[in-house]
């Protein structure tokens, strides 16, 4: 199978591209390498995949590790470039993981989110439509649940009250995907990821921010005075689920699906911090603050649909996941 992975220098995208290459698929990885967080981390992820240097825009680089993996630097918002890429490569499947991430960043930088998450996603949909891609899998987010009060979150819950523009753009992606599934018969599957963490994670995410301060004897910012819960989901579980779903396009009359991808076991934020402290063997000073705009008090994924349809349930405990994350963090940032 020939697969396009967008966001291939990102956290989830780099792991997915690696797994696809290892199992023998022909993989094209795409990323614009933006500067939302240090590009050095993105380049190091690519280096693991055998991309030792990044070429000019729209130039393919072949991996020195996997001869079935190529990388191209391109922005999803480049309409002509994306159209040409789809026409020339003729992908069997696409996994769209490229997006402007970060809930809080969207408060101050709304235009960036619209360009990447809506305009860019439109170009992906158009490429899939015109070249008859057999399955488009795309990253949505637990952020679409917004002010939803039902616990745990189910795919059938209302998602019309996002509390951040980031969540609104992800909801927009789901609506756009439905229209293409309905109009053109394009099989699309949206994955509502829940607080993914682990090795090679984004430095702006809470686990990385917390561990950095713990190890440097700093102070962490704890919002809503610590009264928060998150459905922390380990990266390996996310990749396992995504791969199974990629191989399982809908055969319904309107081939459109949505899945929660979470651990289905929310953890109190203070307990999560305590786990990181225990791995590091030290405690950290905490600055307790009010809830930040765009945040929600709790996330909790109902994954019964995922378990029923693809027979998969995440298996990494938060104790094991945080240990593996801690070991990587120390090896990458400290040693």
C-alpha atoms as a PDB file:
ATOM      1  CA  UNK A   1       0.000   0.000   0.000  1.00  0.00           C
ATOM      2  CA  UNK A   2       1.255   3.489  -0.841  1.00  0.00           C
ATOM      3  CA  UNK A   3       0.550   5.895   2.016  1.00  0.00           C
ATOM      4  CA  UNK A   4       0.953   9.637   2.450  1.00  0.00           C
ATOM      5  CA  UNK A   5       1.615  10.685   6.062  1.00  0.00           C
ATOM      6  CA  UNK A   6       1.315  14.436   6.591  1.00  0.00           C
ATOM      7  CA  UNK A   7       2.943  15.877   9.681  1.00  0.00           C
ATOM      8  CA  UNK A   8       5.663  13.231   9.349  1.00  0.00           C
ATOM      9  CA  UNK A   9       8.139  15.249  11.416  1.00  0.00           C
ATOM     10  CA  UNK A  10       5.580  15.597  14.183  1.00  0.00           C
ATOM     11  CA  UNK A  11       5.088  13.515  17.306  1.00  0.00           C
ATOM     12  CA  UNK A  12       2.442  11.054  16.114  1.00  0.00           C
ATOM     13  CA  UNK A  13       3.323  11.343  12.419  1.00  0.00           C
ATOM     14  CA  UNK A  14       6.956  10.294  12.823  1.00  0.00           C
ATOM     15  CA  UNK A  15       5.991   7.160  14.754  1.00  0.00           C
ATOM     16  CA  UNK A  16       3.286   6.267  12.239  1.00  0.00           C
ATOM     17  CA  UNK A  17       5.614   6.743   9.256  1.00  0.00           C
ATOM     18  CA  UNK A  18       8.188   4.501  10.932  1.00  0.00           C
ATOM     19  CA  UNK A  19       5.699   1.717  11.635  1.00  0.00           C
ATOM     20  CA  UNK A  20       4.328   1.829   8.093  1.00  0.00           C
ATOM     21  CA  UNK A  21       7.831   1.684   6.635  1.00  0.00           C
ATOM     22  CA  UNK A  22       8.795  -1.205   8.916  1.00  0.00           C
ATOM     23  CA  UNK A  23       5.820  -3.266   7.812  1.00  0.00           C
ATOM     24  CA  UNK A  24       6.700  -2.745   4.149  1.00  0.00           C
ATOM     25  CA  UNK A  25       4.334  -0.048   2.911  1.00  0.00           C
ATOM     26  CA  UNK A  26       5.596   2.583   0.482  1.00  0.00           C
ATOM     27  CA  UNK A  27       5.504   5.780   2.542  1.00  0.00           C
ATOM     28  CA  UNK A  28       5.747   9.444   1.629  1.00  0.00           C
ATOM     29  CA  UNK A  29       6.163  11.739   4.622  1.00  0.00           C
ATOM     30  CA  UNK A  30       5.254  15.417   4.324  1.00  0.00           C
ATOM     31  CA  UNK A  31       5.857  18.284   6.749  1.00  0.00           C
ATOM     32  CA  UNK A  32       6.327  22.044   6.501  1.00  0.00           C
ATOM     33  CA  UNK A  33       8.732  22.097   9.482  1.00  0.00           C
ATOM     34  CA  UNK A  34       7.181  25.220  10.959  1.00  0.00           C
ATOM     35  CA  UNK A  35       8.682  26.937  13.986  1.00  0.00           C
ATOM     36  CA  UNK A  36       5.801  26.560  16.458  1.00  0.00           C
ATOM     37  CA  UNK A  37       8.303  24.642  18.589  1.00  0.00           C
ATOM     38  CA  UNK A  38      12.048  24.031  17.974  1.00  0.00           C
ATOM     39  CA  UNK A  39      12.658  22.613  14.511  1.00  0.00           C
ATOM     40  CA  UNK A  40      15.652  20.728  15.926  1.00  0.00           C
ATOM     41  CA  UNK A  41      13.281  18.219  17.558  1.00  0.00           C
ATOM     42  CA  UNK A  42      11.466  17.686  14.260  1.00  0.00           C
ATOM     43  CA  UNK A  43      14.756  17.167  12.446  1.00  0.00           C
ATOM     44  CA  UNK A  44      15.867  14.665  15.093  1.00  0.00           C
ATOM     45  CA  UNK A  45      12.639  12.716  14.613  1.00  0.00           C
ATOM     46  CA  UNK A  46      13.287  12.655  10.862  1.00  0.00           C
ATOM     47  CA  UNK A  47      16.863  11.608  11.490  1.00  0.00           C
ATOM     48  CA  UNK A  48      15.550   8.487  13.241  1.00  0.00           C
ATOM     49  CA  UNK A  49      13.705   7.732  10.010  1.00  0.00           C
ATOM     50  CA  UNK A  50      16.868   8.028   7.941  1.00  0.00           C
ATOM     51  CA  UNK A  51      16.261  11.564   6.661  1.00  0.00           C
ATOM     52  CA  UNK A  52      19.666  13.045   7.389  1.00  0.00           C
ATOM     53  CA  UNK A  53      19.061  16.396   5.756  1.00  0.00           C
ATOM     54  CA  UNK A  54      16.003  18.198   4.479  1.00  0.00           C
ATOM     55  CA  UNK A  55      16.039  19.474   0.920  1.00  0.00           C
ATOM     56  CA  UNK A  56      14.397  22.444  -0.683  1.00  0.00           C
ATOM     57  CA  UNK A  57      10.640  22.856  -0.824  1.00  0.00           C
ATOM     58  CA  UNK A  58       8.914  20.132  -2.879  1.00  0.00           C
ATOM     59  CA  UNK A  59      12.089  18.039  -3.299  1.00  0.00           C
ATOM     60  CA  UNK A  60      11.982  14.369  -2.300  1.00  0.00           C
ATOM     61  CA  UNK A  61      14.637  12.972   0.060  1.00  0.00           C
ATOM     62  CA  UNK A  62      14.973   9.185   0.334  1.00  0.00           C
ATOM     63  CA  UNK A  63      15.628   7.596   3.722  1.00  0.00           C
ATOM     64  CA  UNK A  64      19.005   6.018   4.400  1.00  0.00           C
ATOM     65  CA  UNK A  65      17.315   3.553   6.758  1.00  0.00           C
ATOM     66  CA  UNK A  66      14.098   2.610   4.913  1.00  0.00           C
ATOM     67  CA  UNK A  67      14.329   2.542   1.133  1.00  0.00           C
ATOM     68  CA  UNK A  68      10.498   2.586   1.051  1.00  0.00           C
ATOM     69  CA  UNK A  69      10.300   5.962   2.833  1.00  0.00           C
ATOM     70  CA  UNK A  70      10.667   9.370   1.185  1.00  0.00           C
ATOM     71  CA  UNK A  71      10.244  12.807   2.721  1.00  0.00           C
ATOM     72  CA  UNK A  72       9.077  16.025   1.102  1.00  0.00           C
ATOM     73  CA  UNK A  73       8.985  19.482   2.655  1.00  0.00           C
ATOM     74  CA  UNK A  74       5.656  21.079   1.775  1.00  0.00           C
ATOM     75  CA  UNK A  75       2.878  23.092   3.367  1.00  0.00           C
ATOM     76  CA  UNK A  76      -0.697  21.801   3.196  1.00  0.00           C
ATOM     77  CA  UNK A  77      -1.787  25.348   2.341  1.00  0.00           C
ATOM     78  CA  UNK A  78       0.203  25.135  -0.929  1.00  0.00           C
ATOM     79  CA  UNK A  79      -2.732  24.360  -3.193  1.00  0.00           C
ATOM     80  CA  UNK A  80      -0.785  23.780  -6.403  1.00  0.00           C
ATOM     81  CA  UNK A  81       1.971  21.813  -4.708  1.00  0.00           C
ATOM     82  CA  UNK A  82      -0.508  19.513  -2.990  1.00  0.00           C
ATOM     83  CA  UNK A  83      -2.490  18.951  -6.184  1.00  0.00           C
ATOM     84  CA  UNK A  84       0.684  18.054  -8.074  1.00  0.00           C
ATOM     85  CA  UNK A  85       1.853  15.714  -5.317  1.00  0.00           C
ATOM     86  CA  UNK A  86      -1.428  13.782  -5.313  1.00  0.00           C
ATOM     87  CA  UNK A  87      -1.564  13.614  -9.111  1.00  0.00           C
ATOM     88  CA  UNK A  88       1.995  12.354  -9.465  1.00  0.00           C
ATOM     89  CA  UNK A  89       2.095   9.923  -6.538  1.00  0.00           C
ATOM     90  CA  UNK A  90      -1.402   8.378  -6.647  1.00  0.00           C
ATOM     91  CA  UNK A  91      -1.649   7.277  -3.017  1.00  0.00           C
ATOM     92  CA  UNK A  92      -3.782   4.343  -1.879  1.00  0.00           C
ATOM     93  CA  UNK A  93      -4.322   5.863   1.558  1.00  0.00           C
ATOM     94  CA  UNK A  94      -3.638   9.124   3.351  1.00  0.00           C
ATOM     95  CA  UNK A  95      -3.135   9.758   7.055  1.00  0.00           C
ATOM     96  CA  UNK A  96      -3.427  13.497   7.713  1.00  0.00           C
ATOM     97  CA  UNK A  97      -1.673  14.298  10.974  1.00  0.00           C
ATOM     98  CA  UNK A  98      -0.388  17.736   9.953  1.00  0.00           C
ATOM     99  CA  UNK A  99      -2.066  20.550  11.848  1.00  0.00           C
ATOM    100  CA  UNK A 100      -1.319  23.611  13.863  1.00  0.00           C
ATOM    101  CA  UNK A 101      -1.479  22.128  17.334  1.00  0.00           C
ATOM    102  CA  UNK A 102      -1.963  23.669  20.762  1.00  0.00           C
ATOM    103  CA  UNK A 103      -5.142  24.889  22.415  1.00  0.00           C
ATOM    104  CA  UNK A 104      -3.683  27.949  24.129  1.00  0.00           C
ATOM    105  CA  UNK A 105      -1.663  29.105  21.115  1.00  0.00           C
ATOM    106  CA  UNK A 106      -4.899  29.296  19.118  1.00  0.00           C
ATOM    107  CA  UNK A 107      -6.166  32.087  21.382  1.00  0.00           C
ATOM    108  CA  UNK A 108      -3.508  34.489  20.086  1.00  0.00           C
ATOM    109  CA  UNK A 109      -2.839  33.085  16.599  1.00  0.00           C
ATOM    110  CA  UNK A 110      -6.204  32.216  15.036  1.00  0.00           C
ATOM    111  CA  UNK A 111      -5.180  32.780  11.405  1.00  0.00           C
ATOM    112  CA  UNK A 112      -2.503  30.090  11.625  1.00  0.00           C
ATOM    113  CA  UNK A 113      -5.093  27.513  12.647  1.00  0.00           C
ATOM    114  CA  UNK A 114      -7.499  28.349   9.857  1.00  0.00           C
ATOM    115  CA  UNK A 115      -4.735  28.150   7.223  1.00  0.00           C
ATOM    116  CA  UNK A 116      -3.341  24.823   8.393  1.00  0.00           C
ATOM    117  CA  UNK A 117      -6.308  23.011   9.874  1.00  0.00           C
ATOM    118  CA  UNK A 118      -9.063  24.121   7.483  1.00  0.00           C
ATOM    119  CA  UNK A 119      -7.518  25.407   4.243  1.00  0.00           C
ATOM    120  CA  UNK A 120      -4.798  22.761   4.374  1.00  0.00           C
ATOM    121  CA  UNK A 121      -7.311  20.015   5.128  1.00  0.00           C
ATOM    122  CA  UNK A 122      -9.416  21.118   2.163  1.00  0.00           C
ATOM    123  CA  UNK A 123      -6.414  20.573  -0.105  1.00  0.00           C
ATOM    124  CA  UNK A 124      -5.989  17.067   1.339  1.00  0.00           C
ATOM    125  CA  UNK A 125      -9.661  16.303   0.706  1.00  0.00           C
ATOM    126  CA  UNK A 126      -9.436  17.611  -2.839  1.00  0.00           C
ATOM    127  CA  UNK A 127      -6.318  15.549  -3.516  1.00  0.00           C
ATOM    128  CA  UNK A 128      -8.029  12.426  -2.214  1.00  0.00           C
ATOM    129  CA  UNK A 129     -11.156  13.093  -4.267  1.00  0.00           C
ATOM    130  CA  UNK A 130      -9.432  13.731  -7.572  1.00  0.00           C
ATOM    131  CA  UNK A 131      -7.043  10.768  -7.324  1.00  0.00           C
ATOM    132  CA  UNK A 132      -9.546   8.272  -5.865  1.00  0.00           C
ATOM    133  CA  UNK A 133      -7.739   7.596  -2.583  1.00  0.00           C
ATOM    134  CA  UNK A 134      -9.215   4.499  -0.943  1.00  0.00           C
ATOM    135  CA  UNK A 135      -9.094   5.776   2.654  1.00  0.00           C
ATOM    136  CA  UNK A 136      -8.402   9.095   4.357  1.00  0.00           C
ATOM    137  CA  UNK A 137      -7.653   8.897   8.066  1.00  0.00           C
ATOM    138  CA  UNK A 138      -7.211  12.242   9.805  1.00  0.00           C
ATOM    139  CA  UNK A 139      -6.434  13.531  13.260  1.00  0.00           C
ATOM    140  CA  UNK A 140      -9.325  15.136  15.042  1.00  0.00           C
ATOM    141  CA  UNK A 141      -9.100  15.834  18.769  1.00  0.00           C
ATOM    142  CA  UNK A 142     -10.798  15.371  22.103  1.00  0.00           C
ATOM    143  CA  UNK A 143     -10.977  19.192  22.062  1.00  0.00           C
ATOM    144  CA  UNK A 144     -14.104  18.968  19.902  1.00  0.00           C
ATOM    145  CA  UNK A 145     -16.080  17.927  23.003  1.00  0.00           C
ATOM    146  CA  UNK A 146     -15.655  21.390  24.502  1.00  0.00           C
ATOM    147  CA  UNK A 147     -18.422  22.116  26.999  1.00  0.00           C
ATOM    148  CA  UNK A 148     -19.936  18.640  26.681  1.00  0.00           C
ATOM    149  CA  UNK A 149     -20.959  17.494  30.171  1.00  0.00           C
ATOM    150  CA  UNK A 150     -21.477  13.797  29.443  1.00  0.00           C
ATOM    151  CA  UNK A 151     -18.789  11.567  30.958  1.00  0.00           C
ATOM    152  CA  UNK A 152     -17.220   9.542  29.417  1.00  0.00           C
ATOM    153  CA  UNK A 153     -17.163  11.290  26.031  1.00  0.00           C
ATOM    154  CA  UNK A 154     -18.920   9.291  23.321  1.00  0.00           C
ATOM    155  CA  UNK A 155     -18.697   9.832  19.579  1.00  0.00           C
ATOM    156  CA  UNK A 156     -22.462  10.382  19.569  1.00  0.00           C
ATOM    157  CA  UNK A 157     -22.297  13.288  22.053  1.00  0.00           C
ATOM    158  CA  UNK A 158     -22.956  16.828  20.831  1.00  0.00           C
ATOM    159  CA  UNK A 159     -19.768  18.648  19.864  1.00  0.00           C
ATOM    160  CA  UNK A 160     -21.158  22.052  18.949  1.00  0.00           C
ATOM    161  CA  UNK A 161     -19.599  24.033  21.818  1.00  0.00           C
ATOM    162  CA  UNK A 162     -15.804  24.015  21.450  1.00  0.00           C
ATOM    163  CA  UNK A 163     -13.993  26.201  23.979  1.00  0.00           C
ATOM    164  CA  UNK A 164     -11.041  26.969  21.691  1.00  0.00           C
ATOM    165  CA  UNK A 165     -10.540  27.811  18.049  1.00  0.00           C
ATOM    166  CA  UNK A 166      -8.323  24.739  17.829  1.00  0.00           C
ATOM    167  CA  UNK A 167     -11.286  22.558  18.802  1.00  0.00           C
ATOM    168  CA  UNK A 168     -13.505  24.446  16.358  1.00  0.00           C
ATOM    169  CA  UNK A 169     -11.110  23.768  13.467  1.00  0.00           C
ATOM    170  CA  UNK A 170     -11.056  20.067  14.294  1.00  0.00           C
ATOM    171  CA  UNK A 171     -14.858  19.972  14.355  1.00  0.00           C
ATOM    172  CA  UNK A 172     -14.810  21.772  10.998  1.00  0.00           C
ATOM    173  CA  UNK A 173     -12.524  19.036   9.633  1.00  0.00           C
ATOM    174  CA  UNK A 174     -15.059  16.392  10.663  1.00  0.00           C
ATOM    175  CA  UNK A 175     -17.870  18.267   8.919  1.00  0.00           C
ATOM    176  CA  UNK A 176     -15.792  18.746   5.769  1.00  0.00           C
ATOM    177  CA  UNK A 177     -14.856  15.058   5.745  1.00  0.00           C
ATOM    178  CA  UNK A 178     -18.520  14.067   6.051  1.00  0.00           C
ATOM    179  CA  UNK A 179     -19.438  16.206   3.058  1.00  0.00           C
ATOM    180  CA  UNK A 180     -16.756  14.557   0.920  1.00  0.00           C
ATOM    181  CA  UNK A 181     -17.813  11.095   2.057  1.00  0.00           C
ATOM    182  CA  UNK A 182     -21.428  11.906   1.239  1.00  0.00           C
ATOM    183  CA  UNK A 183     -20.827  13.719  -2.061  1.00  0.00           C
ATOM    184  CA  UNK A 184     -17.991  11.669  -3.533  1.00  0.00           C
ATOM    185  CA  UNK A 185     -18.000   8.359  -1.667  1.00  0.00           C
ATOM    186  CA  UNK A 186     -14.562   9.094  -0.195  1.00  0.00           C
ATOM    187  CA  UNK A 187     -13.972   6.816   2.825  1.00  0.00           C
ATOM    188  CA  UNK A 188     -12.915   9.070   5.708  1.00  0.00           C
ATOM    189  CA  UNK A 189     -12.184   8.267   9.344  1.00  0.00           C
ATOM    190  CA  UNK A 190     -11.596  10.931  11.984  1.00  0.00           C
ATOM    191  CA  UNK A 191      -9.646  10.059  15.122  1.00  0.00           C
ATOM    192  CA  UNK A 192     -10.355  12.028  18.267  1.00  0.00           C
ATOM    193  CA  UNK A 193      -7.017  11.644  20.036  1.00  0.00           C
ATOM    194  CA  UNK A 194      -6.938  12.091  23.823  1.00  0.00           C
ATOM    195  CA  UNK A 195      -3.827  13.692  25.423  1.00  0.00           C
ATOM    196  CA  UNK A 196      -1.143  11.683  23.651  1.00  0.00           C
ATOM    197  CA  UNK A 197       2.191  11.523  25.494  1.00  0.00           C
ATOM    198  CA  UNK A 198       5.448   9.607  25.373  1.00  0.00           C
ATOM    199  CA  UNK A 199       8.979   9.723  23.904  1.00  0.00           C
ATOM    200  CA  UNK A 200       9.569  12.407  21.257  1.00  0.00           C
ATOM    201  CA  UNK A 201       6.508  14.327  22.447  1.00  0.00           C
ATOM    202  CA  UNK A 202       5.951  18.031  21.823  1.00  0.00           C
ATOM    203  CA  UNK A 203       7.836  20.310  24.228  1.00  0.00           C
ATOM    204  CA  UNK A 204       4.780  22.549  24.709  1.00  0.00           C
ATOM    205  CA  UNK A 205       2.691  19.722  26.170  1.00  0.00           C
ATOM    206  CA  UNK A 206       2.154  19.403  29.914  1.00  0.00           C
ATOM    207  CA  UNK A 207       4.195  16.176  30.486  1.00  0.00           C
ATOM    208  CA  UNK A 208       7.266  17.761  28.876  1.00  0.00           C
ATOM    209  CA  UNK A 209       6.797  21.084  30.651  1.00  0.00           C
ATOM    210  CA  UNK A 210       6.339  19.354  34.001  1.00  0.00           C
ATOM    211  CA  UNK A 211       9.348  17.061  33.681  1.00  0.00           C
ATOM    212  CA  UNK A 212      11.596  19.888  32.516  1.00  0.00           C
ATOM    213  CA  UNK A 213      10.806  21.863  35.664  1.00  0.00           C
ATOM    214  CA  UNK A 214      11.041  18.826  37.939  1.00  0.00           C
ATOM    215  CA  UNK A 215      14.517  17.971  36.697  1.00  0.00           C
ATOM    216  CA  UNK A 216      15.752  21.579  36.815  1.00  0.00           C
ATOM    217  CA  UNK A 217      14.330  22.298  40.300  1.00  0.00           C
ATOM    218  CA  UNK A 218      11.975  24.838  38.783  1.00  0.00           C
ATOM    219  CA  UNK A 219       8.299  25.612  39.339  1.00  0.00           C
ATOM    220  CA  UNK A 220       5.363  24.185  37.409  1.00  0.00           C
ATOM    221  CA  UNK A 221       2.130  26.011  36.636  1.00  0.00           C
ATOM    222  CA  UNK A 222      -0.861  23.945  37.806  1.00  0.00           C
ATOM    223  CA  UNK A 223      -4.150  25.253  36.444  1.00  0.00           C
ATOM    224  CA  UNK A 224      -7.577  25.083  38.074  1.00  0.00           C
ATOM    225  CA  UNK A 225      -5.655  24.543  41.320  1.00  0.00           C
ATOM    226  CA  UNK A 226      -4.889  20.982  40.217  1.00  0.00           C
ATOM    227  CA  UNK A 227      -8.538  19.986  39.901  1.00  0.00           C
ATOM    228  CA  UNK A 228      -8.164  18.524  36.400  1.00  0.00           C
ATOM    229  CA  UNK A 229      -8.348  15.075  34.847  1.00  0.00           C
ATOM    230  CA  UNK A 230      -6.857  13.941  31.562  1.00  0.00           C
ATOM    231  CA  UNK A 231      -7.194  10.705  29.630  1.00  0.00           C
ATOM    232  CA  UNK A 232      -3.445  10.327  29.046  1.00  0.00           C
ATOM    233  CA  UNK A 233      -2.830   7.963  26.123  1.00  0.00           C
ATOM    234  CA  UNK A 234       0.578   6.473  25.395  1.00  0.00           C
ATOM    235  CA  UNK A 235       1.995   6.982  21.899  1.00  0.00           C
ATOM    236  CA  UNK A 236       2.470   3.274  21.086  1.00  0.00           C
ATOM    237  CA  UNK A 237      -1.205   2.597  21.777  1.00  0.00           C
ATOM    238  CA  UNK A 238      -2.209   5.510  19.558  1.00  0.00           C
ATOM    239  CA  UNK A 239      -0.083   4.163  16.693  1.00  0.00           C
ATOM    240  CA  UNK A 240      -1.447   0.622  17.077  1.00  0.00           C
ATOM    241  CA  UNK A 241      -5.022   1.897  16.893  1.00  0.00           C
ATOM    242  CA  UNK A 242      -4.305   4.248  13.985  1.00  0.00           C
ATOM    243  CA  UNK A 243      -2.704   1.481  11.920  1.00  0.00           C
ATOM    244  CA  UNK A 244      -5.633  -0.864  12.445  1.00  0.00           C
ATOM    245  CA  UNK A 245      -8.092   1.839  11.471  1.00  0.00           C
ATOM    246  CA  UNK A 246      -6.069   2.797   8.387  1.00  0.00           C
ATOM    247  CA  UNK A 247      -6.446  -0.772   7.133  1.00  0.00           C
ATOM    248  CA  UNK A 248     -10.192  -0.748   7.794  1.00  0.00           C
ATOM    249  CA  UNK A 249     -12.062   1.781   5.615  1.00  0.00           C
ATOM    250  CA  UNK A 250     -15.800   2.095   6.042  1.00  0.00           C
ATOM    251  CA  UNK A 251     -18.022   0.219   3.599  1.00  0.00           C
ATOM    252  CA  UNK A 252     -21.187   2.061   4.574  1.00  0.00           C
ATOM    253  CA  UNK A 253     -23.295   3.921   2.012  1.00  0.00           C
ATOM    254  CA  UNK A 254     -21.774   7.123   3.373  1.00  0.00           C
ATOM    255  CA  UNK A 255     -18.263   5.888   4.253  1.00  0.00           C
ATOM    256  CA  UNK A 256     -17.673   8.245   7.186  1.00  0.00           C
ATOM    257  CA  UNK A 257     -16.603   7.286  10.709  1.00  0.00           C
ATOM    258  CA  UNK A 258     -15.348   8.883  13.915  1.00  0.00           C
ATOM    259  CA  UNK A 259     -13.452   7.098  16.690  1.00  0.00           C
ATOM    260  CA  UNK A 260     -12.261   8.125  20.121  1.00  0.00           C
ATOM    261  CA  UNK A 261      -8.648   7.043  20.583  1.00  0.00           C
ATOM    262  CA  UNK A 262      -7.901   7.268  24.277  1.00  0.00           C
ATOM    263  CA  UNK A 263      -6.824   5.203  27.248  1.00  0.00           C
ATOM    264  CA  UNK A 264     -10.378   5.310  28.652  1.00  0.00           C
ATOM    265  CA  UNK A 265      -8.903   5.734  32.117  1.00  0.00           C
ATOM    266  CA  UNK A 266      -8.601   9.394  33.171  1.00  0.00           C
ATOM    267  CA  UNK A 267      -5.890  10.353  35.642  1.00  0.00           C
ATOM    268  CA  UNK A 268      -6.039  13.228  38.103  1.00  0.00           C
ATOM    269  CA  UNK A 269      -3.477  15.838  37.100  1.00  0.00           C
ATOM    270  CA  UNK A 270      -1.893  15.853  40.569  1.00  0.00           C
ATOM    271  CA  UNK A 271      -1.473  12.063  40.398  1.00  0.00           C
ATOM    272  CA  UNK A 272       0.195  12.375  37.003  1.00  0.00           C
ATOM    273  CA  UNK A 273       2.611  14.980  38.378  1.00  0.00           C
ATOM    274  CA  UNK A 274       3.347  12.737  41.340  1.00  0.00           C
ATOM    275  CA  UNK A 275       4.227   9.876  38.974  1.00  0.00           C
ATOM    276  CA  UNK A 276       6.721  12.062  37.141  1.00  0.00           C
ATOM    277  CA  UNK A 277       8.168  13.175  40.474  1.00  0.00           C
ATOM    278  CA  UNK A 278       8.564   9.559  41.587  1.00  0.00           C
ATOM    279  CA  UNK A 279      10.456   8.641  38.417  1.00  0.00           C
ATOM    280  CA  UNK A 280      12.743  11.644  38.879  1.00  0.00           C
ATOM    281  CA  UNK A 281      13.159  11.036  42.609  1.00  0.00           C
ATOM    282  CA  UNK A 282      12.326  14.622  43.533  1.00  0.00           C
ATOM    283  CA  UNK A 283       9.379  16.927  44.073  1.00  0.00           C
ATOM    284  CA  UNK A 284       8.724  20.207  42.335  1.00  0.00           C
ATOM    285  CA  UNK A 285       7.399  23.569  43.455  1.00  0.00           C
ATOM    286  CA  UNK A 286       3.864  24.208  42.239  1.00  0.00           C
ATOM    287  CA  UNK A 287       2.213  27.480  41.376  1.00  0.00           C
ATOM    288  CA  UNK A 288      -1.538  26.885  41.564  1.00  0.00           C
ATOM    289  CA  UNK A 289      -3.562  29.067  39.189  1.00  0.00           C
ATOM    290  CA  UNK A 290      -7.074  29.566  37.862  1.00  0.00           C
ATOM    291  CA  UNK A 291      -8.359  27.666  34.824  1.00  0.00           C
ATOM    292  CA  UNK A 292      -6.885  28.951  31.575  1.00  0.00           C
ATOM    293  CA  UNK A 293      -9.081  30.042  28.655  1.00  0.00           C
ATOM    294  CA  UNK A 294      -9.640  27.167  26.245  1.00  0.00           C
ATOM    295  CA  UNK A 295      -9.147  24.439  28.862  1.00  0.00           C
ATOM    296  CA  UNK A 296     -11.685  21.907  30.117  1.00  0.00           C
ATOM    297  CA  UNK A 297     -11.824  20.273  33.525  1.00  0.00           C
ATOM    298  CA  UNK A 298     -11.868  16.653  32.409  1.00  0.00           C
ATOM    299  CA  UNK A 299     -11.377  14.429  29.372  1.00  0.00           C
ATOM    300  CA  UNK A 300     -12.454  10.788  29.343  1.00  0.00           C
ATOM    301  CA  UNK A 301     -12.804   8.688  26.199  1.00  0.00           C
ATOM    302  CA  UNK A 302     -15.475   6.067  25.740  1.00  0.00           C
ATOM    303  CA  UNK A 303     -13.629   3.644  23.440  1.00  0.00           C
ATOM    304  CA  UNK A 304     -16.330   0.997  23.121  1.00  0.00           C
ATOM    305  CA  UNK A 305     -16.804   1.760  19.406  1.00  0.00           C
ATOM    306  CA  UNK A 306     -13.063   1.313  18.802  1.00  0.00           C
ATOM    307  CA  UNK A 307     -13.066  -1.976  20.712  1.00  0.00           C
ATOM    308  CA  UNK A 308     -16.156  -3.270  18.900  1.00  0.00           C
ATOM    309  CA  UNK A 309     -15.079  -2.374  15.363  1.00  0.00           C
ATOM    310  CA  UNK A 310     -11.347  -3.067  15.333  1.00  0.00           C
ATOM    311  CA  UNK A 311     -10.971  -5.154  18.504  1.00  0.00           C
ATOM    312  CA  UNK A 312      -8.365  -2.898  20.026  1.00  0.00           C
ATOM    313  CA  UNK A 313      -7.951  -1.483  23.510  1.00  0.00           C
ATOM    314  CA  UNK A 314      -4.925   0.520  24.679  1.00  0.00           C
ATOM    315  CA  UNK A 315      -2.707  -1.551  26.953  1.00  0.00           C
ATOM    316  CA  UNK A 316      -0.014   0.775  28.351  1.00  0.00           C
ATOM    317  CA  UNK A 317      -0.643   1.829  31.944  1.00  0.00           C
ATOM    318  CA  UNK A 318       0.124   5.406  32.918  1.00  0.00           C
ATOM    319  CA  UNK A 319       2.773   4.060  35.321  1.00  0.00           C
ATOM    320  CA  UNK A 320       4.594   2.270  32.493  1.00  0.00           C
ATOM    321  CA  UNK A 321       4.037   5.061  29.996  1.00  0.00           C
ATOM    322  CA  UNK A 322       5.432   7.769  32.258  1.00  0.00           C
ATOM    323  CA  UNK A 323       8.462   5.590  33.049  1.00  0.00           C
ATOM    324  CA  UNK A 324       9.253   5.148  29.350  1.00  0.00           C
ATOM    325  CA  UNK A 325       8.678   8.845  28.757  1.00  0.00           C
ATOM    326  CA  UNK A 326      10.970   9.784  31.653  1.00  0.00           C
ATOM    327  CA  UNK A 327      13.769   7.521  30.397  1.00  0.00           C
ATOM    328  CA  UNK A 328      13.597   9.051  26.923  1.00  0.00           C
ATOM    329  CA  UNK A 329      13.423  12.608  28.262  1.00  0.00           C
ATOM    330  CA  UNK A 330      16.563  12.169  30.356  1.00  0.00           C
ATOM    331  CA  UNK A 331      18.444  10.508  27.488  1.00  0.00           C
ATOM    332  CA  UNK A 332      17.439  13.191  24.973  1.00  0.00           C
ATOM    333  CA  UNK A 333      17.529  16.406  27.001  1.00  0.00           C
ATOM    334  CA  UNK A 334      19.833  15.725  29.941  1.00  0.00           C
ATOM    335  CA  UNK A 335      22.559  13.252  28.962  1.00  0.00           C
END
